[in-house]
């Protein structure tokens, strides 16, 4: 049962990362308002593909909640009805969550696919929670944390709705990202706690403190990165999508701290790797940390010096979230080695 649970947890984690990747693509393409309502998209379970579907037409049947665009406003059908020969306000009400009323089929479907991935990840975590009931008698913590993941996914969905209703407010986007990382942490812990114990891990005095510092630095970098991304979005709105060489101009201190702090993150992790390699401690996840850090630095350098090559923005965010997950797993491995004297003699 434990191995089956672990496989489902890994699948759920992959699905959550797919949601993060889809969200990064949504931001790269500016598709965040592709669906102006939530959870449906223009009031449809399957969103429209052409403008005509969102225009009033005579002798057409509308379902309650379906949306049309009238004079740059969203109008929502109050009831199921069939239109007559002329448009009237009788069966329509103004959508009041926000006043964004633009339809772009590409943006709509990119955002819709993002939501589909979210629903699929939610289903995966629900299956995991149901499966976790088998641990209730002996390991209640696994069951409780598994159901916490389900509630966290529901809360994340609600946060997604508030992001849409706020027309992509930066603070809410940041909270949305932090919540995604919290879910990653929960799933990573469940994967770790159901592993088979390893006898090859050795703890060295002080290693855990340094690792915590490196992990905290990564979290700070991710938060700063979301703020920098918002500044980039503002620049895109100001100078246009084609003027990429101007996207990083006129930035405030956040960008420069984010760029400079990356040096500290790299040096901390190189120091950790040196200690692990030198004393043969067996924490091989540090290799993944260094690889992901290398890719992260390259994408950051590419965005700054090469004017945002294609896909570097979403890749930068995806790699950061993967780095978070691997570092968190490494933190738990080192903490476990520190606690267990049988597999972790002090060097």
Protein backbone atom coordinates (compact mmCIF):
# COMPACT_ATOMS: atom_id res chain seq x y z
CA UNK A 1 0.00 0.00 0.00
CA UNK A 2 2.81 2.40 0.90
CA UNK A 3 4.48 2.07 -2.51
CA UNK A 4 1.16 2.55 -4.31
CA UNK A 5 0.45 5.66 -2.26
CA UNK A 6 3.90 7.03 -3.07
CA UNK A 7 3.33 6.54 -6.81
CA UNK A 8 0.03 8.43 -6.64
CA UNK A 9 1.74 11.21 -4.67
CA UNK A 10 4.44 11.47 -7.35
CA UNK A 11 1.80 11.64 -10.11
CA UNK A 12 -0.05 14.34 -8.16
CA UNK A 13 3.19 16.30 -7.77
CA UNK A 14 3.85 16.08 -11.52
CA UNK A 15 0.32 17.34 -12.20
CA UNK A 16 0.83 20.27 -9.83
CA UNK A 17 4.04 21.14 -11.65
CA UNK A 18 2.14 20.99 -14.94
CA UNK A 19 -0.26 23.56 -13.49
CA UNK A 20 2.69 25.76 -12.52
CA UNK A 21 4.11 25.38 -16.05
CA UNK A 22 0.74 26.20 -17.62
CA UNK A 23 0.44 29.24 -15.35
CA UNK A 24 3.88 30.41 -16.46
CA UNK A 25 2.82 30.13 -20.11
CA UNK A 26 -0.36 32.04 -19.32
CA UNK A 27 1.73 34.88 -17.94
CA UNK A 28 4.21 34.76 -20.83
CA UNK A 29 1.42 35.08 -23.39
CA UNK A 30 -0.63 37.59 -21.37
CA UNK A 31 -3.58 35.20 -21.26
CA UNK A 32 -4.53 35.62 -17.62
CA UNK A 33 -7.81 37.32 -18.50
CA UNK A 34 -8.56 34.96 -21.39
CA UNK A 35 -11.48 33.71 -19.31
CA UNK A 36 -12.96 36.74 -17.52
CA UNK A 37 -15.16 34.66 -15.22
CA UNK A 38 -14.55 31.61 -13.02
CA UNK A 39 -14.87 28.62 -12.95
CA UNK A 40 -16.54 28.70 -16.37
CA UNK A 41 -15.17 30.63 -19.33
CA UNK A 42 -17.57 33.27 -20.67
CA UNK A 43 -20.25 31.19 -19.00
CA UNK A 44 -19.36 28.03 -20.95
CA UNK A 45 -17.86 24.74 -19.85
CA UNK A 46 -16.15 24.59 -23.27
CA UNK A 47 -15.11 28.15 -24.15
CA UNK A 48 -15.95 29.91 -27.44
CA UNK A 49 -13.56 29.82 -30.38
CA UNK A 50 -14.79 32.82 -32.35
CA UNK A 51 -16.18 36.28 -31.67
CA UNK A 52 -19.62 35.47 -33.13
CA UNK A 53 -20.32 33.16 -30.18
CA UNK A 54 -20.08 36.14 -27.83
CA UNK A 55 -22.32 38.44 -29.84
CA UNK A 56 -26.04 38.86 -29.53
CA UNK A 57 -27.95 37.16 -32.35
CA UNK A 58 -31.69 36.96 -33.08
CA UNK A 59 -33.53 33.66 -32.58
CA UNK A 60 -30.68 32.17 -30.56
CA UNK A 61 -31.03 30.15 -27.39
CA UNK A 62 -28.96 31.19 -24.37
CA UNK A 63 -28.47 29.29 -21.12
CA UNK A 64 -28.45 30.99 -17.74
CA UNK A 65 -24.97 32.33 -16.99
CA UNK A 66 -23.75 32.50 -20.59
CA UNK A 67 -21.98 35.73 -21.50
CA UNK A 68 -22.02 38.10 -24.44
CA UNK A 69 -20.06 41.29 -25.09
CA UNK A 70 -22.18 44.40 -25.61
CA UNK A 71 -20.65 47.87 -25.92
CA UNK A 72 -17.41 46.71 -24.27
CA UNK A 73 -19.25 45.22 -21.30
CA UNK A 74 -19.96 41.64 -20.29
CA UNK A 75 -23.67 40.82 -20.15
CA UNK A 76 -24.78 37.64 -18.38
CA UNK A 77 -27.98 35.75 -19.20
CA UNK A 78 -30.31 35.80 -16.18
CA UNK A 79 -32.34 32.75 -17.25
CA UNK A 80 -32.59 30.23 -20.08
CA UNK A 81 -34.30 31.98 -22.99
CA UNK A 82 -34.45 32.47 -26.75
CA UNK A 83 -33.78 35.90 -28.25
CA UNK A 84 -36.29 37.78 -30.37
CA UNK A 85 -35.65 40.09 -33.28
CA UNK A 86 -34.13 42.94 -31.23
CA UNK A 87 -31.75 43.13 -28.29
CA UNK A 88 -33.28 44.12 -24.94
CA UNK A 89 -31.84 44.31 -21.43
CA UNK A 90 -34.71 42.31 -19.98
CA UNK A 91 -32.92 38.94 -19.81
CA UNK A 92 -29.39 40.26 -19.23
CA UNK A 93 -27.46 41.65 -16.28
CA UNK A 94 -24.12 43.42 -16.19
CA UNK A 95 -21.13 41.37 -15.04
CA UNK A 96 -19.84 43.33 -12.05
CA UNK A 97 -16.74 41.46 -10.85
CA UNK A 98 -14.64 43.65 -13.15
CA UNK A 99 -14.97 45.64 -16.38
CA UNK A 100 -12.56 43.67 -18.59
CA UNK A 101 -14.47 42.69 -21.74
CA UNK A 102 -11.99 41.60 -24.40
CA UNK A 103 -12.09 38.30 -26.29
CA UNK A 104 -8.96 36.77 -27.77
CA UNK A 105 -9.48 33.10 -28.73
CA UNK A 106 -5.82 32.22 -28.21
CA UNK A 107 -5.74 33.76 -24.76
CA UNK A 108 -9.06 32.15 -23.88
CA UNK A 109 -7.93 28.65 -24.76
CA UNK A 110 -4.51 29.01 -23.14
CA UNK A 111 -6.18 30.05 -19.89
CA UNK A 112 -8.80 27.32 -20.29
CA UNK A 113 -6.09 24.64 -20.67
CA UNK A 114 -4.43 26.04 -17.56
CA UNK A 115 -7.69 25.54 -15.68
CA UNK A 116 -8.05 22.01 -17.06
CA UNK A 117 -4.62 21.13 -15.69
CA UNK A 118 -5.72 22.60 -12.36
CA UNK A 119 -8.83 20.42 -12.33
CA UNK A 120 -6.78 17.35 -13.23
CA UNK A 121 -4.31 18.08 -10.42
CA UNK A 122 -7.22 18.52 -8.02
CA UNK A 123 -8.60 15.13 -9.06
CA UNK A 124 -5.18 13.54 -8.57
CA UNK A 125 -4.87 14.89 -5.05
CA UNK A 126 -8.41 13.74 -4.23
CA UNK A 127 -7.50 10.19 -5.31
CA UNK A 128 -4.39 10.46 -3.13
CA UNK A 129 -6.48 11.55 -0.14
CA UNK A 130 -8.93 8.67 -0.57
CA UNK A 131 -6.03 6.24 -0.86
CA UNK A 132 -4.48 7.71 2.32
CA UNK A 133 -7.40 6.45 4.42
CA UNK A 134 -5.59 3.12 4.56
CA UNK A 135 -2.97 4.78 6.80
CA UNK A 136 -5.49 6.10 9.31
CA UNK A 137 -5.00 3.44 12.00
CA UNK A 138 -1.19 3.44 12.07
CA UNK A 139 -0.04 6.74 10.50
CA UNK A 140 -2.78 9.33 10.88
CA UNK A 141 -0.44 12.14 9.87
CA UNK A 142 -0.30 10.85 6.30
CA UNK A 143 -4.08 10.83 6.03
CA UNK A 144 -4.46 14.28 7.58
CA UNK A 145 -1.79 15.83 5.35
CA UNK A 146 -3.25 14.19 2.25
CA UNK A 147 -6.63 15.75 2.95
CA UNK A 148 -4.91 19.05 3.73
CA UNK A 149 -3.54 18.93 0.17
CA UNK A 150 -7.10 18.58 -1.15
CA UNK A 151 -8.27 21.59 0.85
CA UNK A 152 -5.18 23.51 -0.23
CA UNK A 153 -6.01 22.77 -3.87
CA UNK A 154 -9.54 24.05 -3.30
CA UNK A 155 -8.17 27.20 -1.69
CA UNK A 156 -5.77 27.59 -4.60
CA UNK A 157 -8.71 27.43 -6.99
CA UNK A 158 -10.44 30.18 -5.01
CA UNK A 159 -7.25 32.24 -5.14
CA UNK A 160 -7.23 31.78 -8.90
CA UNK A 161 -10.72 33.22 -9.03
CA UNK A 162 -9.68 36.24 -6.96
CA UNK A 163 -6.75 36.82 -9.34
CA UNK A 164 -9.19 36.96 -12.25
CA UNK A 165 -11.66 39.18 -10.39
CA UNK A 166 -8.83 41.58 -9.50
CA UNK A 167 -7.72 41.70 -13.16
CA UNK A 168 -4.35 40.14 -12.28
CA UNK A 169 -3.43 42.18 -9.19
CA UNK A 170 0.33 41.61 -8.54
CA UNK A 171 -0.04 40.87 -4.81
CA UNK A 172 -2.66 38.20 -5.48
CA UNK A 173 -0.52 36.61 -8.19
CA UNK A 174 2.34 36.39 -5.68
CA UNK A 175 0.09 34.77 -3.05
CA UNK A 176 -1.19 32.38 -5.72
CA UNK A 177 2.41 31.33 -6.49
CA UNK A 178 3.32 30.92 -2.82
CA UNK A 179 0.28 28.71 -2.30
CA UNK A 180 1.36 26.54 -5.23
CA UNK A 181 4.76 26.07 -3.58
CA UNK A 182 3.04 25.18 -0.29
CA UNK A 183 1.18 22.39 -2.11
CA UNK A 184 4.45 21.24 -3.66
CA UNK A 185 5.97 21.12 -0.16
CA UNK A 186 3.09 19.03 1.22
CA UNK A 187 3.26 16.51 -1.61
CA UNK A 188 7.05 16.36 -1.40
CA UNK A 189 6.81 15.62 2.31
CA UNK A 190 4.32 12.80 1.68
CA UNK A 191 6.67 11.32 -0.91
CA UNK A 192 9.59 11.58 1.50
CA UNK A 193 7.81 10.17 4.54
CA UNK A 194 6.66 7.04 2.63
CA UNK A 195 10.12 6.29 1.20
CA UNK A 196 12.28 3.28 1.99
CA UNK A 197 14.97 4.24 4.51
CA UNK A 198 18.48 4.67 3.17
CA UNK A 199 21.53 3.50 5.09
CA UNK A 200 24.00 5.60 3.09
CA UNK A 201 23.17 9.08 4.41
CA UNK A 202 25.65 10.62 6.83
CA UNK A 203 25.15 13.85 8.78
CA UNK A 204 27.86 16.44 9.33
CA UNK A 205 27.58 18.99 12.12
CA UNK A 206 26.14 22.32 10.92
CA UNK A 207 25.01 21.00 7.55
CA UNK A 208 21.32 21.40 8.34
CA UNK A 209 21.68 25.07 9.28
CA UNK A 210 23.52 25.88 6.06
CA UNK A 211 20.94 23.97 4.04
CA UNK A 212 18.09 25.85 5.70
CA UNK A 213 19.83 29.11 4.82
CA UNK A 214 20.14 28.04 1.18
CA UNK A 215 16.50 26.96 1.07
CA UNK A 216 15.33 30.24 2.62
CA UNK A 217 17.42 32.14 0.06
CA UNK A 218 15.65 30.28 -2.75
CA UNK A 219 12.23 31.15 -1.33
CA UNK A 220 13.22 34.82 -1.06
CA UNK A 221 14.48 34.74 -4.65
CA UNK A 222 11.21 33.28 -5.90
CA UNK A 223 9.18 35.98 -4.11
CA UNK A 224 11.45 38.71 -5.48
CA UNK A 225 11.16 37.10 -8.90
CA UNK A 226 7.37 37.38 -8.89
CA UNK A 227 7.73 41.09 -8.16
CA UNK A 228 10.25 41.53 -10.97
CA UNK A 229 7.91 39.70 -13.29
CA UNK A 230 5.18 42.19 -12.43
CA UNK A 231 7.55 45.04 -13.28
CA UNK A 232 8.26 43.37 -16.62
CA UNK A 233 4.51 43.09 -17.29
CA UNK A 234 4.13 46.80 -16.59
CA UNK A 235 6.96 47.59 -18.98
CA UNK A 236 5.37 45.43 -21.68
CA UNK A 237 2.13 47.38 -21.29
CA UNK A 238 4.07 50.66 -21.44
CA UNK A 239 6.48 50.09 -24.36
CA UNK A 240 4.83 47.23 -26.25
CA UNK A 241 5.59 43.57 -26.85
CA UNK A 242 8.07 44.20 -29.68
CA UNK A 243 10.33 46.55 -27.70
CA UNK A 244 11.94 43.77 -25.66
CA UNK A 245 15.18 45.71 -25.25
CA UNK A 246 13.24 48.18 -23.07
CA UNK A 247 11.54 45.65 -20.82
CA UNK A 248 14.29 45.85 -18.19
CA UNK A 249 14.68 49.62 -18.24
CA UNK A 250 13.62 52.00 -15.45
CA UNK A 251 13.44 49.28 -12.80
CA UNK A 252 13.42 49.87 -9.05
CA UNK A 253 15.56 48.24 -6.35
CA UNK A 254 13.65 44.93 -6.52
CA UNK A 255 15.24 43.93 -9.80
CA UNK A 256 18.78 44.74 -8.67
CA UNK A 257 18.36 42.91 -5.36
CA UNK A 258 16.94 39.89 -7.21
CA UNK A 259 19.86 39.88 -9.64
CA UNK A 260 22.55 40.38 -7.00
CA UNK A 261 21.02 37.98 -4.47
CA UNK A 262 21.28 35.19 -7.04
CA UNK A 263 25.05 35.23 -6.45
CA UNK A 264 24.48 34.46 -2.77
CA UNK A 265 22.10 31.61 -3.67
CA UNK A 266 24.67 30.05 -6.02
CA UNK A 267 27.56 30.42 -3.55
CA UNK A 268 25.56 28.92 -0.68
CA UNK A 269 24.66 25.85 -2.71
CA UNK A 270 28.19 25.43 -4.05
CA UNK A 271 29.45 25.49 -0.46
CA UNK A 272 26.89 22.84 0.51
CA UNK A 273 27.88 20.69 -2.45
CA UNK A 274 31.55 20.97 -1.49
CA UNK A 275 30.82 19.76 2.05
CA UNK A 276 28.65 16.88 0.83
CA UNK A 277 31.22 15.76 -1.74
CA UNK A 278 34.23 16.23 0.57
CA UNK A 279 32.82 14.13 3.41
CA UNK A 280 30.90 11.70 1.18
CA UNK A 281 27.63 12.35 2.97
CA UNK A 282 25.50 10.67 0.29
CA UNK A 283 22.97 13.46 -0.35
CA UNK A 284 22.85 13.07 -4.13
CA UNK A 285 19.92 15.51 -4.53
CA UNK A 286 22.54 18.26 -4.37
CA UNK A 287 23.46 17.30 -7.95
CA UNK A 288 19.92 18.19 -9.08
CA UNK A 289 20.11 21.42 -7.11
CA UNK A 290 23.28 22.46 -8.93
CA UNK A 291 21.86 21.47 -12.32
CA UNK A 292 18.66 23.43 -11.77
CA UNK A 293 20.62 26.41 -10.46
CA UNK A 294 22.77 26.35 -13.59
CA UNK A 295 19.71 26.40 -15.86
CA UNK A 296 18.14 29.12 -13.73
CA UNK A 297 21.23 31.32 -14.04
CA UNK A 298 21.41 30.74 -17.81
CA UNK A 299 17.77 31.69 -18.35
CA UNK A 300 18.20 34.77 -16.18
CA UNK A 301 21.30 35.84 -18.09
CA UNK A 302 19.50 35.16 -21.38
CA UNK A 303 16.56 37.37 -20.42
CA UNK A 304 18.84 40.22 -19.35
CA UNK A 305 21.45 40.19 -22.09
CA UNK A 306 19.54 38.65 -25.02
CA UNK A 307 16.22 40.53 -24.62
CA UNK A 308 14.03 37.67 -23.42
CA UNK A 309 14.53 34.81 -25.90
CA UNK A 310 11.41 32.73 -26.51
CA UNK A 311 10.23 30.63 -23.54
CA UNK A 312 12.97 31.85 -21.16
CA UNK A 313 10.40 33.52 -18.90
CA UNK A 314 8.21 30.47 -18.21
CA UNK A 315 11.28 28.21 -18.07
CA UNK A 316 12.82 30.50 -15.43
CA UNK A 317 9.72 30.19 -13.24
CA UNK A 318 9.33 26.43 -13.78
CA UNK A 319 12.97 25.75 -12.90
CA UNK A 320 12.64 27.91 -9.78
CA UNK A 321 9.66 25.87 -8.59
CA UNK A 322 11.50 22.60 -9.34
CA UNK A 323 14.50 23.90 -7.41
CA UNK A 324 12.20 24.65 -4.47
CA UNK A 325 10.86 21.09 -4.48
CA UNK A 326 14.27 19.40 -4.74
CA UNK A 327 15.79 21.61 -2.05
CA UNK A 328 12.85 20.94 0.26
CA UNK A 329 13.31 17.18 -0.20
CA UNK A 330 17.02 17.61 0.54
CA UNK A 331 16.17 19.55 3.72
CA UNK A 332 14.04 16.63 4.91
CA UNK A 333 16.77 14.11 4.04
CA UNK A 334 19.38 16.02 6.02
CA UNK A 335 16.98 16.53 8.94
CA UNK A 336 16.19 12.81 8.93
CA UNK A 337 19.89 11.93 8.94
CA UNK A 338 20.44 14.34 11.82
CA UNK A 339 17.68 12.75 13.91
CA UNK A 340 18.51 9.10 13.26
CA UNK A 341 21.85 8.06 14.81
CA UNK A 342 21.69 4.63 13.16
CA UNK A 343 22.16 6.05 9.68
CA UNK A 344 23.69 9.38 10.54
CA UNK A 345 26.82 9.31 12.69
CA UNK A 346 28.29 12.78 13.23
CA UNK A 347 31.38 13.36 11.15
